[in-house]
């Protein structure tokens, strides 16, 4: 292996390791953040507790998958094997599905919260005697 190729492979391996460490740290931070939310939700017991918790932790997992995908891309560029390409495709597919459904759920929750926060025009009419 020529020196430039060896240096590039070493750099790619270090970058891959860094991205994987960031992905792992992201999951750990997401777990801690979601755990704090879970304890608060257990005390308050809102109806949307489970959904709020899923959205919070799912968001952290989506971010971690982005870093993991970056690590897989780096690894694949240096030594593109069939297994590495398959793994890259699988991570990209999982990330895409997770982001799609998470985005849909976030939009639905935002819509429900807007509806709950908006004043009910029929209630105002009844109060005014109109």
C-alpha atoms as a PDB file:
ATOM      1  CA  UNK A   1       0.000   0.000   0.000  1.00  0.00           C
ATOM      2  CA  UNK A   2       1.430   3.372  -0.938  1.00  0.00           C
ATOM      3  CA  UNK A   3       1.983   5.963   1.812  1.00  0.00           C
ATOM      4  CA  UNK A   4      -0.775   8.315   0.612  1.00  0.00           C
ATOM      5  CA  UNK A   5      -3.319   5.486   0.486  1.00  0.00           C
ATOM      6  CA  UNK A   6      -2.225   4.254   3.906  1.00  0.00           C
ATOM      7  CA  UNK A   7      -2.532   7.780   5.356  1.00  0.00           C
ATOM      8  CA  UNK A   8      -5.991   8.172   3.830  1.00  0.00           C
ATOM      9  CA  UNK A   9      -7.090   4.803   5.227  1.00  0.00           C
ATOM     10  CA  UNK A  10      -5.755   5.755   8.680  1.00  0.00           C
ATOM     11  CA  UNK A  11      -7.542   9.109   8.560  1.00  0.00           C
ATOM     12  CA  UNK A  12     -10.780   7.451   7.433  1.00  0.00           C
ATOM     13  CA  UNK A  13     -10.558   4.897  10.246  1.00  0.00           C
ATOM     14  CA  UNK A  14     -10.014   7.659  12.833  1.00  0.00           C
ATOM     15  CA  UNK A  15     -12.918   9.679  11.423  1.00  0.00           C
ATOM     16  CA  UNK A  16     -15.146   6.593  11.400  1.00  0.00           C
ATOM     17  CA  UNK A  17     -14.270   5.884  15.025  1.00  0.00           C
ATOM     18  CA  UNK A  18     -15.002   9.498  15.987  1.00  0.00           C
ATOM     19  CA  UNK A  19     -18.379   9.459  14.222  1.00  0.00           C
ATOM     20  CA  UNK A  20     -19.309   6.157  15.886  1.00  0.00           C
ATOM     21  CA  UNK A  21     -18.331   7.566  19.285  1.00  0.00           C
ATOM     22  CA  UNK A  22     -20.480  10.641  18.667  1.00  0.00           C
ATOM     23  CA  UNK A  23     -23.393   8.385  17.652  1.00  0.00           C
ATOM     24  CA  UNK A  24     -22.995   6.379  20.857  1.00  0.00           C
ATOM     25  CA  UNK A  25     -22.754   9.548  22.954  1.00  0.00           C
ATOM     26  CA  UNK A  26     -25.880  10.900  21.242  1.00  0.00           C
ATOM     27  CA  UNK A  27     -27.855   7.790  22.226  1.00  0.00           C
ATOM     28  CA  UNK A  28     -26.575   8.080  25.803  1.00  0.00           C
ATOM     29  CA  UNK A  29     -27.501  11.774  26.026  1.00  0.00           C
ATOM     30  CA  UNK A  30     -30.884  10.995  24.470  1.00  0.00           C
ATOM     31  CA  UNK A  31     -31.460   8.266  27.031  1.00  0.00           C
ATOM     32  CA  UNK A  32     -30.631  10.635  29.897  1.00  0.00           C
ATOM     33  CA  UNK A  33     -32.787  13.395  28.418  1.00  0.00           C
ATOM     34  CA  UNK A  34     -35.683  11.019  27.824  1.00  0.00           C
ATOM     35  CA  UNK A  35     -35.273   9.576  31.310  1.00  0.00           C
ATOM     36  CA  UNK A  36     -35.658  13.027  32.858  1.00  0.00           C
ATOM     37  CA  UNK A  37     -38.752  13.578  30.743  1.00  0.00           C
ATOM     38  CA  UNK A  38     -40.143  10.179  31.755  1.00  0.00           C
ATOM     39  CA  UNK A  39     -39.822  10.971  35.470  1.00  0.00           C
ATOM     40  CA  UNK A  40     -41.515  14.339  34.975  1.00  0.00           C
ATOM     41  CA  UNK A  41     -44.291  12.756  32.918  1.00  0.00           C
ATOM     42  CA  UNK A  42     -44.832  10.052  35.546  1.00  0.00           C
ATOM     43  CA  UNK A  43     -45.519  12.769  38.118  1.00  0.00           C
ATOM     44  CA  UNK A  44     -47.772  14.849  35.884  1.00  0.00           C
ATOM     45  CA  UNK A  45     -49.353  11.958  33.940  1.00  0.00           C
ATOM     46  CA  UNK A  46     -50.515  13.900  30.882  1.00  0.00           C
ATOM     47  CA  UNK A  47     -52.471  11.987  28.256  1.00  0.00           C
ATOM     48  CA  UNK A  48     -49.733  12.549  25.685  1.00  0.00           C
ATOM     49  CA  UNK A  49     -46.911  11.244  27.919  1.00  0.00           C
ATOM     50  CA  UNK A  50     -46.050   8.146  25.893  1.00  0.00           C
ATOM     51  CA  UNK A  51     -46.128  10.016  22.600  1.00  0.00           C
ATOM     52  CA  UNK A  52     -44.006  12.866  23.986  1.00  0.00           C
ATOM     53  CA  UNK A  53     -41.450  10.361  25.261  1.00  0.00           C
ATOM     54  CA  UNK A  54     -41.350   8.467  21.956  1.00  0.00           C
ATOM     55  CA  UNK A  55     -40.881  11.676  20.000  1.00  0.00           C
ATOM     56  CA  UNK A  56     -38.108  12.900  22.304  1.00  0.00           C
ATOM     57  CA  UNK A  57     -36.117   9.655  22.253  1.00  0.00           C
ATOM     58  CA  UNK A  58     -36.866   9.053  18.571  1.00  0.00           C
ATOM     59  CA  UNK A  59     -35.387  12.449  17.751  1.00  0.00           C
ATOM     60  CA  UNK A  60     -32.170  11.549  19.553  1.00  0.00           C
ATOM     61  CA  UNK A  61     -32.031   8.197  17.744  1.00  0.00           C
ATOM     62  CA  UNK A  62     -32.508   9.921  14.391  1.00  0.00           C
ATOM     63  CA  UNK A  63     -29.547  12.188  15.142  1.00  0.00           C
ATOM     64  CA  UNK A  64     -27.439   9.197  16.209  1.00  0.00           C
ATOM     65  CA  UNK A  65     -28.339   7.399  12.988  1.00  0.00           C
ATOM     66  CA  UNK A  66     -27.096  10.423  11.025  1.00  0.00           C
ATOM     67  CA  UNK A  67     -23.677  10.107  12.694  1.00  0.00           C
ATOM     68  CA  UNK A  68     -23.681   6.335  12.196  1.00  0.00           C
ATOM     69  CA  UNK A  69     -24.520   6.817   8.532  1.00  0.00           C
ATOM     70  CA  UNK A  70     -21.606   9.254   8.248  1.00  0.00           C
ATOM     71  CA  UNK A  71     -19.303   6.653   9.800  1.00  0.00           C
ATOM     72  CA  UNK A  72     -20.520   4.011   7.357  1.00  0.00           C
ATOM     73  CA  UNK A  73     -20.037   6.352   4.402  1.00  0.00           C
ATOM     74  CA  UNK A  74     -16.460   7.071   5.486  1.00  0.00           C
ATOM     75  CA  UNK A  75     -15.725   3.351   5.912  1.00  0.00           C
ATOM     76  CA  UNK A  76     -17.280   2.504   2.556  1.00  0.00           C
ATOM     77  CA  UNK A  77     -15.244   5.099   0.652  1.00  0.00           C
ATOM     78  CA  UNK A  78     -11.971   3.560   1.804  1.00  0.00           C
ATOM     79  CA  UNK A  79     -12.814  -0.126   1.316  1.00  0.00           C
ATOM     80  CA  UNK A  80     -16.094  -0.552  -0.543  1.00  0.00           C
ATOM     81  CA  UNK A  81     -17.008  -4.185   0.081  1.00  0.00           C
ATOM     82  CA  UNK A  82     -20.396  -5.731  -0.590  1.00  0.00           C
ATOM     83  CA  UNK A  83     -20.973  -6.044   3.169  1.00  0.00           C
ATOM     84  CA  UNK A  84     -20.085  -2.386   3.780  1.00  0.00           C
ATOM     85  CA  UNK A  85     -22.399  -1.249   0.977  1.00  0.00           C
ATOM     86  CA  UNK A  86     -25.213  -3.422   2.325  1.00  0.00           C
ATOM     87  CA  UNK A  87     -24.715  -2.021   5.823  1.00  0.00           C
ATOM     88  CA  UNK A  88     -24.683   1.520   4.446  1.00  0.00           C
ATOM     89  CA  UNK A  89     -27.898   0.894   2.531  1.00  0.00           C
ATOM     90  CA  UNK A  90     -29.584  -0.638   5.579  1.00  0.00           C
ATOM     91  CA  UNK A  91     -28.636   2.247   7.878  1.00  0.00           C
ATOM     92  CA  UNK A  92     -29.805   4.756   5.249  1.00  0.00           C
ATOM     93  CA  UNK A  93     -33.108   2.893   4.884  1.00  0.00           C
ATOM     94  CA  UNK A  94     -33.698   2.734   8.647  1.00  0.00           C
ATOM     95  CA  UNK A  95     -32.829   6.414   9.022  1.00  0.00           C
ATOM     96  CA  UNK A  96     -35.169   7.372   6.201  1.00  0.00           C
ATOM     97  CA  UNK A  97     -38.105   5.432   7.660  1.00  0.00           C
ATOM     98  CA  UNK A  98     -37.443   6.706  11.169  1.00  0.00           C
ATOM     99  CA  UNK A  99     -37.213  10.312  10.008  1.00  0.00           C
ATOM    100  CA  UNK A 100     -40.337   9.968   7.849  1.00  0.00           C
ATOM    101  CA  UNK A 101     -42.521   8.571  10.621  1.00  0.00           C
ATOM    102  CA  UNK A 102     -41.019  10.826  13.274  1.00  0.00           C
ATOM    103  CA  UNK A 103     -41.673  13.865  11.099  1.00  0.00           C
ATOM    104  CA  UNK A 104     -45.257  12.759  10.528  1.00  0.00           C
ATOM    105  CA  UNK A 105     -45.805  12.229  14.235  1.00  0.00           C
ATOM    106  CA  UNK A 106     -44.244  15.603  15.115  1.00  0.00           C
ATOM    107  CA  UNK A 107     -46.505  17.346  12.600  1.00  0.00           C
ATOM    108  CA  UNK A 108     -49.564  15.598  14.029  1.00  0.00           C
ATOM    109  CA  UNK A 109     -48.604  16.531  17.589  1.00  0.00           C
ATOM    110  CA  UNK A 110     -48.021  20.147  16.559  1.00  0.00           C
ATOM    111  CA  UNK A 111     -51.447  20.226  14.907  1.00  0.00           C
ATOM    112  CA  UNK A 112     -53.136  18.783  18.006  1.00  0.00           C
ATOM    113  CA  UNK A 113     -51.358  21.255  20.285  1.00  0.00           C
ATOM    114  CA  UNK A 114     -52.413  24.172  18.074  1.00  0.00           C
ATOM    115  CA  UNK A 115     -56.019  22.968  18.182  1.00  0.00           C
ATOM    116  CA  UNK A 116     -55.920  22.673  21.972  1.00  0.00           C
ATOM    117  CA  UNK A 117     -54.301  26.089  22.390  1.00  0.00           C
ATOM    118  CA  UNK A 118     -56.659  27.907  20.015  1.00  0.00           C
ATOM    119  CA  UNK A 119     -59.710  29.426  21.643  1.00  0.00           C
ATOM    120  CA  UNK A 120     -62.976  27.711  20.771  1.00  0.00           C
ATOM    121  CA  UNK A 121     -65.080  30.251  18.816  1.00  0.00           C
ATOM    122  CA  UNK A 122     -68.349  28.540  19.793  1.00  0.00           C
ATOM    123  CA  UNK A 123     -67.491  28.870  23.503  1.00  0.00           C
ATOM    124  CA  UNK A 124     -66.886  32.615  23.105  1.00  0.00           C
ATOM    125  CA  UNK A 125     -70.196  33.015  21.292  1.00  0.00           C
ATOM    126  CA  UNK A 126     -72.036  31.166  24.083  1.00  0.00           C
ATOM    127  CA  UNK A 127     -70.383  33.349  26.776  1.00  0.00           C
ATOM    128  CA  UNK A 128     -71.265  36.566  24.945  1.00  0.00           C
ATOM    129  CA  UNK A 129     -74.873  35.496  24.610  1.00  0.00           C
ATOM    130  CA  UNK A 130     -74.743  35.808  20.826  1.00  0.00           C
END
